[in-house]
N, C-alpha and C. Protein backbone atom coordinates (compact mmCIF):
# COMPACT_ATOMS: atom_id res chain seq x y z
N MET A 1 34.06 127.08 156.10
CA MET A 1 33.48 126.96 154.74
C MET A 1 34.42 126.32 153.79
N ASN A 2 34.06 125.38 153.00
CA ASN A 2 34.87 124.80 152.02
C ASN A 2 35.23 125.78 150.91
N TRP A 3 36.54 125.79 150.51
CA TRP A 3 36.95 126.82 149.57
C TRP A 3 36.18 126.70 148.24
N LEU A 4 35.51 125.46 147.94
CA LEU A 4 34.69 125.32 146.63
C LEU A 4 33.33 126.01 146.88
N ASP A 5 32.97 126.15 148.03
CA ASP A 5 31.67 126.95 148.33
C ASP A 5 31.65 128.49 147.87
N LYS A 6 32.91 129.03 147.67
CA LYS A 6 32.97 130.48 147.19
C LYS A 6 32.65 130.57 145.80
N ILE A 7 32.66 129.54 145.08
CA ILE A 7 32.48 129.60 143.62
C ILE A 7 30.90 129.68 143.45
N ALA A 8 30.67 130.56 142.42
CA ALA A 8 29.15 130.73 142.03
C ALA A 8 28.95 129.78 140.87
N TRP A 9 28.51 128.53 141.21
CA TRP A 9 28.19 127.57 140.28
C TRP A 9 27.07 127.84 139.55
N THR A 10 26.89 127.34 138.32
CA THR A 10 25.71 127.57 137.58
C THR A 10 24.54 126.61 138.13
N ALA A 11 23.41 126.69 137.58
CA ALA A 11 22.33 125.82 137.99
C ALA A 11 22.64 124.41 137.71
N GLU A 12 23.52 124.07 136.67
CA GLU A 12 23.99 122.80 136.29
C GLU A 12 25.19 122.30 137.22
N GLY A 13 25.56 123.23 138.05
CA GLY A 13 26.75 123.00 138.97
C GLY A 13 28.13 122.98 138.28
N LEU A 14 28.18 123.87 137.40
CA LEU A 14 29.39 124.15 136.55
C LEU A 14 29.85 125.56 136.72
N VAL A 15 31.18 125.76 136.39
CA VAL A 15 31.79 127.03 136.39
C VAL A 15 32.52 127.13 135.07
N PRO A 16 32.56 128.30 134.33
CA PRO A 16 33.42 128.30 133.10
C PRO A 16 34.87 128.57 133.64
N VAL A 17 35.83 127.97 132.90
CA VAL A 17 37.27 127.96 133.17
C VAL A 17 38.01 128.46 131.88
N ILE A 18 38.96 129.46 132.10
CA ILE A 18 39.86 129.84 131.07
C ILE A 18 41.24 129.13 131.29
N ALA A 19 41.99 128.59 130.45
CA ALA A 19 43.30 128.10 130.59
C ALA A 19 44.29 129.13 129.90
N GLN A 20 45.03 129.77 130.63
CA GLN A 20 46.04 130.67 130.09
C GLN A 20 47.42 130.19 130.39
N GLU A 21 48.36 130.15 129.22
CA GLU A 21 49.68 129.80 129.38
C GLU A 21 50.38 130.59 130.31
N ALA A 22 51.01 130.03 131.23
CA ALA A 22 51.66 130.95 132.19
C ALA A 22 52.91 131.70 131.67
N GLY A 23 53.61 131.11 130.76
CA GLY A 23 54.85 131.88 130.14
C GLY A 23 54.48 132.91 129.15
N THR A 24 53.61 132.64 128.25
CA THR A 24 53.25 133.56 127.10
C THR A 24 52.02 134.46 127.33
N HIS A 25 51.22 133.96 128.30
CA HIS A 25 49.97 134.64 128.69
C HIS A 25 48.94 134.43 127.55
N ASP A 26 49.20 133.56 126.61
CA ASP A 26 48.19 133.12 125.54
C ASP A 26 46.91 132.44 126.13
N VAL A 27 45.82 132.78 125.76
CA VAL A 27 44.73 132.06 126.15
C VAL A 27 44.53 130.82 125.38
N LEU A 28 44.64 129.72 125.89
CA LEU A 28 44.63 128.34 125.26
C LEU A 28 43.29 127.90 124.93
N MET A 29 42.47 127.97 125.99
CA MET A 29 41.13 127.24 125.77
C MET A 29 40.08 127.65 126.98
N PHE A 30 38.92 127.38 126.63
CA PHE A 30 37.73 127.64 127.43
C PHE A 30 37.16 126.18 127.75
N ALA A 31 36.74 125.94 129.01
CA ALA A 31 36.14 124.64 129.21
C ALA A 31 35.24 124.97 130.48
N TRP A 32 34.69 123.84 131.00
CA TRP A 32 33.88 123.77 132.21
C TRP A 32 34.39 122.93 133.26
N MET A 33 34.04 123.18 134.60
CA MET A 33 34.51 122.25 135.66
C MET A 33 33.27 122.21 136.56
N ASN A 34 33.13 120.98 137.19
CA ASN A 34 32.20 120.83 138.18
C ASN A 34 33.04 120.84 139.53
N ARG A 35 32.46 120.69 140.62
CA ARG A 35 33.18 120.65 141.94
C ARG A 35 34.27 119.62 141.99
N GLU A 36 33.90 118.42 141.58
CA GLU A 36 34.99 117.34 141.55
C GLU A 36 36.06 117.64 140.65
N ALA A 37 35.85 118.15 139.59
CA ALA A 37 36.94 118.56 138.58
C ALA A 37 37.88 119.51 139.13
N LEU A 38 37.32 120.70 139.67
CA LEU A 38 38.12 121.72 140.31
C LEU A 38 38.83 121.25 141.53
N ALA A 39 38.32 120.42 142.34
CA ALA A 39 38.96 119.79 143.51
C ALA A 39 40.11 118.86 142.97
N LEU A 40 39.95 118.10 141.94
CA LEU A 40 40.88 117.12 141.46
C LEU A 40 42.09 118.00 140.76
N THR A 41 41.78 119.07 140.12
CA THR A 41 42.69 120.00 139.52
C THR A 41 43.70 120.56 140.67
N ALA A 42 43.05 121.00 141.67
CA ALA A 42 43.91 121.55 142.82
C ALA A 42 44.64 120.42 143.47
N GLU A 43 44.17 119.36 143.63
CA GLU A 43 44.73 118.18 144.18
C GLU A 43 46.02 117.64 143.32
N ARG A 44 45.81 117.46 142.10
CA ARG A 44 46.76 116.80 141.16
C ARG A 44 47.74 117.85 140.65
N GLY A 45 47.33 119.02 140.52
CA GLY A 45 48.29 120.07 139.88
C GLY A 45 48.18 120.01 138.23
N GLU A 46 47.22 119.27 137.87
CA GLU A 46 46.99 119.07 136.33
C GLU A 46 45.50 119.35 136.12
N ALA A 47 45.18 119.94 134.93
CA ALA A 47 43.78 120.32 134.65
C ALA A 47 42.88 119.06 134.38
N VAL A 48 41.80 119.13 135.08
CA VAL A 48 40.72 118.06 134.98
C VAL A 48 39.50 119.02 134.68
N TYR A 49 38.66 118.67 133.58
CA TYR A 49 37.55 119.41 133.25
C TYR A 49 36.38 118.59 133.27
N TRP A 50 35.25 119.08 133.19
CA TRP A 50 33.91 118.39 133.01
C TRP A 50 33.53 118.53 131.48
N SER A 51 33.48 117.31 130.86
CA SER A 51 33.13 117.35 129.49
C SER A 51 31.60 117.43 129.30
N ARG A 52 30.96 118.45 128.88
CA ARG A 52 29.48 118.52 128.67
C ARG A 52 29.02 117.46 127.68
N SER A 53 29.88 117.36 126.65
CA SER A 53 29.40 116.44 125.49
C SER A 53 29.52 114.92 126.02
N ARG A 54 30.52 114.52 126.73
CA ARG A 54 30.72 113.27 127.17
C ARG A 54 30.10 112.82 128.44
N LYS A 55 29.62 113.99 129.21
CA LYS A 55 28.98 113.90 130.45
C LYS A 55 29.93 113.10 131.55
N ARG A 56 31.16 113.54 131.51
CA ARG A 56 31.98 112.79 132.53
C ARG A 56 33.32 113.78 132.68
N LEU A 57 34.10 113.44 133.70
CA LEU A 57 35.36 114.12 133.94
C LEU A 57 36.32 113.83 132.83
N TRP A 58 37.10 114.90 132.48
CA TRP A 58 37.98 114.77 131.41
C TRP A 58 39.38 115.30 131.79
N HIS A 59 40.41 114.38 132.01
CA HIS A 59 41.61 114.91 132.42
C HIS A 59 42.32 115.35 131.13
N LYS A 60 42.69 116.66 131.03
CA LYS A 60 43.21 117.17 129.80
C LYS A 60 44.45 116.39 129.44
N GLY A 61 44.54 115.87 128.26
CA GLY A 61 45.60 115.08 127.79
C GLY A 61 45.54 113.58 127.90
N GLU A 62 44.33 113.12 128.50
CA GLU A 62 44.14 111.68 128.63
C GLU A 62 44.29 110.91 127.44
N GLU A 63 43.88 111.51 126.29
CA GLU A 63 44.01 110.87 125.02
C GLU A 63 45.17 111.32 124.11
N SER A 64 45.43 112.60 124.26
CA SER A 64 46.40 113.34 123.26
C SER A 64 47.79 113.26 123.92
N GLY A 65 47.90 113.22 125.29
CA GLY A 65 49.05 113.28 126.08
C GLY A 65 49.48 114.86 126.29
N HIS A 66 48.71 115.79 125.77
CA HIS A 66 48.76 117.21 125.91
C HIS A 66 48.21 117.67 127.26
N VAL A 67 48.93 117.42 128.38
CA VAL A 67 48.63 117.62 129.77
C VAL A 67 48.83 119.10 130.06
N GLN A 68 47.90 119.75 130.94
CA GLN A 68 48.09 120.97 131.42
C GLN A 68 48.57 120.89 132.86
N GLN A 69 49.80 121.36 133.10
CA GLN A 69 50.27 121.55 134.40
C GLN A 69 49.89 122.83 135.06
N VAL A 70 49.14 122.85 136.12
CA VAL A 70 48.62 123.95 136.69
C VAL A 70 49.57 124.65 137.75
N HIS A 71 49.83 125.91 137.47
CA HIS A 71 50.63 126.68 138.43
C HIS A 71 49.71 127.49 139.33
N GLU A 72 48.64 128.03 139.04
CA GLU A 72 47.81 128.92 139.70
C GLU A 72 46.39 128.68 139.39
N ILE A 73 45.43 128.79 140.38
CA ILE A 73 44.05 128.78 140.17
C ILE A 73 43.65 130.03 140.80
N ARG A 74 42.83 130.87 139.95
CA ARG A 74 42.35 132.04 140.28
C ARG A 74 40.77 132.10 139.95
N ILE A 75 40.15 133.02 140.88
CA ILE A 75 38.72 133.19 140.38
C ILE A 75 38.55 134.81 140.14
N ASP A 76 37.58 135.12 139.39
CA ASP A 76 37.29 136.57 139.18
C ASP A 76 36.52 137.15 140.32
N CYS A 77 36.19 138.40 140.21
CA CYS A 77 35.72 139.23 141.27
C CYS A 77 34.20 138.80 141.58
N ASP A 78 33.55 138.24 140.63
CA ASP A 78 32.18 137.74 140.92
C ASP A 78 32.21 136.26 141.25
N GLN A 79 33.28 135.64 141.39
CA GLN A 79 33.47 134.29 141.76
C GLN A 79 32.78 133.30 140.83
N ASP A 80 32.57 133.77 139.51
CA ASP A 80 31.88 132.80 138.62
C ASP A 80 32.65 132.52 137.37
N VAL A 81 33.94 132.70 137.40
CA VAL A 81 34.82 132.35 136.31
C VAL A 81 36.12 131.94 136.92
N VAL A 82 36.71 130.81 136.61
CA VAL A 82 38.08 130.33 136.99
C VAL A 82 38.99 130.53 135.90
N LEU A 83 40.22 130.98 136.43
CA LEU A 83 41.29 131.14 135.47
C LEU A 83 42.42 130.16 135.94
N LEU A 84 42.95 129.28 135.06
CA LEU A 84 44.04 128.48 135.37
C LEU A 84 45.23 129.01 134.60
N LYS A 85 46.32 129.14 135.30
CA LYS A 85 47.66 129.51 134.63
C LYS A 85 48.40 128.15 134.56
N VAL A 86 48.72 127.82 133.34
CA VAL A 86 49.15 126.52 133.07
C VAL A 86 50.39 126.52 132.21
N THR A 87 51.21 125.44 132.19
CA THR A 87 52.15 125.10 131.24
C THR A 87 51.47 123.88 130.34
N GLN A 88 51.39 124.12 128.98
CA GLN A 88 50.92 123.16 128.13
C GLN A 88 51.99 122.12 127.73
N HIS A 89 51.86 120.93 128.06
CA HIS A 89 52.92 119.95 127.67
C HIS A 89 52.40 119.08 126.65
N GLY A 90 53.26 118.25 125.87
CA GLY A 90 53.03 117.40 124.86
C GLY A 90 53.43 117.73 123.53
N HIS A 91 54.06 118.87 123.29
CA HIS A 91 54.46 119.32 122.02
C HIS A 91 55.14 120.61 122.16
N ALA A 92 56.08 121.10 121.31
CA ALA A 92 56.70 122.38 121.62
C ALA A 92 56.47 123.20 120.25
N PRO A 93 55.71 124.33 120.37
CA PRO A 93 54.97 124.77 121.51
C PRO A 93 53.77 123.87 121.80
N GLY A 94 53.25 123.99 123.02
CA GLY A 94 52.24 123.12 123.52
C GLY A 94 51.07 123.24 122.60
N ILE A 95 50.25 122.11 122.53
CA ILE A 95 49.10 121.99 121.82
C ILE A 95 47.91 121.85 122.72
N ALA A 96 47.07 122.89 122.79
CA ALA A 96 45.83 122.75 123.69
C ALA A 96 44.75 122.46 122.95
N CYS A 97 44.63 122.62 121.55
CA CYS A 97 43.43 122.38 120.74
C CYS A 97 43.29 121.15 120.11
N HIS A 98 42.20 120.53 120.20
CA HIS A 98 42.07 119.19 119.35
C HIS A 98 42.27 119.25 117.87
N THR A 99 42.38 120.41 117.38
CA THR A 99 42.62 120.59 115.89
C THR A 99 44.10 120.62 115.70
N GLY A 100 45.03 120.38 116.70
CA GLY A 100 46.44 120.33 116.58
C GLY A 100 47.10 121.72 116.59
N ARG A 101 46.31 122.77 117.04
CA ARG A 101 46.88 124.02 117.25
C ARG A 101 47.23 124.32 118.70
N HIS A 102 48.06 125.33 118.84
CA HIS A 102 48.44 125.86 120.08
C HIS A 102 47.40 126.21 120.99
N SER A 103 46.41 127.09 120.51
CA SER A 103 45.25 127.68 121.20
C SER A 103 43.98 127.33 120.42
N CYS A 104 42.93 127.16 121.15
CA CYS A 104 41.62 126.93 120.48
C CYS A 104 41.06 128.26 119.93
N PHE A 105 41.76 129.35 120.24
CA PHE A 105 41.20 130.66 119.67
C PHE A 105 42.10 131.00 118.47
N TYR A 106 41.92 130.16 117.40
CA TYR A 106 42.82 130.35 116.14
C TYR A 106 42.13 130.97 114.98
N GLU A 107 40.88 131.33 115.18
CA GLU A 107 40.23 132.04 114.01
C GLU A 107 40.01 133.46 114.44
N ARG A 108 40.21 134.36 113.42
CA ARG A 108 40.00 135.81 113.70
C ARG A 108 39.07 136.37 112.71
N LEU A 109 38.23 137.29 113.14
CA LEU A 109 37.25 137.94 112.17
C LEU A 109 37.99 138.99 111.41
N LEU A 110 38.14 138.76 110.03
CA LEU A 110 38.80 139.64 109.18
C LEU A 110 37.89 139.81 107.84
N PRO A 111 38.23 140.92 107.13
CA PRO A 111 37.55 141.14 105.88
C PRO A 111 37.63 139.92 104.95
N GLY A 112 36.49 139.46 104.51
CA GLY A 112 36.52 138.27 103.49
C GLY A 112 36.78 138.82 102.09
N ALA A 113 36.85 137.93 101.18
CA ALA A 113 37.06 138.26 99.65
C ALA A 113 36.05 139.28 99.20
N ASP A 114 34.74 139.11 99.68
CA ASP A 114 33.65 140.00 99.26
C ASP A 114 33.63 141.31 100.00
N GLY A 115 34.49 141.48 100.95
CA GLY A 115 34.56 142.62 101.78
C GLY A 115 33.68 142.47 103.13
N GLN A 116 33.02 141.37 103.26
CA GLN A 116 32.18 141.14 104.43
C GLN A 116 33.06 140.45 105.49
N PRO A 117 32.81 140.67 106.71
CA PRO A 117 33.63 139.97 107.77
C PRO A 117 33.35 138.38 107.56
N ALA A 118 34.46 137.69 107.91
CA ALA A 118 34.53 136.37 107.81
C ALA A 118 35.54 135.81 108.75
N TRP A 119 35.20 134.60 109.29
CA TRP A 119 36.21 134.00 110.22
C TRP A 119 37.34 133.30 109.57
N GLN A 120 38.50 133.53 109.80
CA GLN A 120 39.69 133.01 109.06
C GLN A 120 40.75 132.43 109.94
N PRO A 121 41.26 131.27 109.78
CA PRO A 121 42.24 130.67 110.68
C PRO A 121 43.55 131.60 110.52
N VAL A 122 44.12 131.91 111.62
CA VAL A 122 45.38 132.64 111.69
C VAL A 122 46.47 132.07 112.46
N GLU A 123 46.17 130.92 112.97
CA GLU A 123 47.27 130.13 113.65
C GLU A 123 47.44 128.82 112.95
N PRO A 124 48.72 128.28 112.77
CA PRO A 124 48.97 127.16 112.09
C PRO A 124 48.63 125.83 112.85
N VAL A 125 48.25 124.69 112.16
CA VAL A 125 48.15 123.46 112.72
C VAL A 125 49.70 122.99 112.97
N LEU A 126 49.90 122.61 114.23
CA LEU A 126 51.31 122.20 114.59
C LEU A 126 51.49 120.72 114.42
N LYS A 127 50.42 119.88 114.65
CA LYS A 127 50.48 118.42 114.48
C LYS A 127 49.04 117.95 113.91
N ASP A 128 49.21 117.14 112.97
CA ASP A 128 47.82 116.57 112.34
C ASP A 128 47.14 116.00 113.50
N PRO A 129 45.88 116.37 113.67
CA PRO A 129 45.01 115.84 114.85
C PRO A 129 44.80 114.23 114.56
N HIS A 130 44.85 113.81 113.45
CA HIS A 130 44.53 112.39 113.16
C HIS A 130 45.64 111.54 113.70
N THR A 131 46.90 112.11 113.85
CA THR A 131 48.12 111.36 114.43
C THR A 131 48.05 111.62 116.00
N ILE A 132 47.47 112.60 116.54
CA ILE A 132 47.30 112.79 117.90
C ILE A 132 46.32 111.89 118.60
N TYR A 133 45.19 111.71 117.88
CA TYR A 133 44.11 111.00 118.38
C TYR A 133 43.85 109.58 117.68
N ALA A 134 44.87 109.02 117.08
CA ALA A 134 44.92 107.88 116.29
C ALA A 134 44.65 106.70 117.37
N LYS A 135 43.74 105.85 116.85
CA LYS A 135 43.35 104.73 117.77
C LYS A 135 44.29 103.51 117.27
N PRO A 136 44.77 102.74 118.27
CA PRO A 136 45.63 101.66 117.87
C PRO A 136 44.79 100.46 117.31
């Protein structure tokens, strides 16, 4: 049996993937992979995802330079979620989010000015995303 056959793929042929920083254990991002993306990730040692919006493979960092070096690939007990333990390259500390932040999980539910729960950014922008994705 091919190792990819153990994954419980969705009806669309995808599996959810969590990228966790190996050193800090920060959860950096969530994305999707298809079989080809997971096979390429294992082969290259760098994260390759399936972009649902672009409908194509997406080598993390192909535009930004913020590549994810993969140290470990794990699956959960139901074989329906993949965990990548990565080193985020491209800026110190690494930027994983297209907003220029370290992690995509930068908003936290906190009491708002009116006392009602509200999402508020709690992580700083490390680099202006317009300079990361500037087109020549």
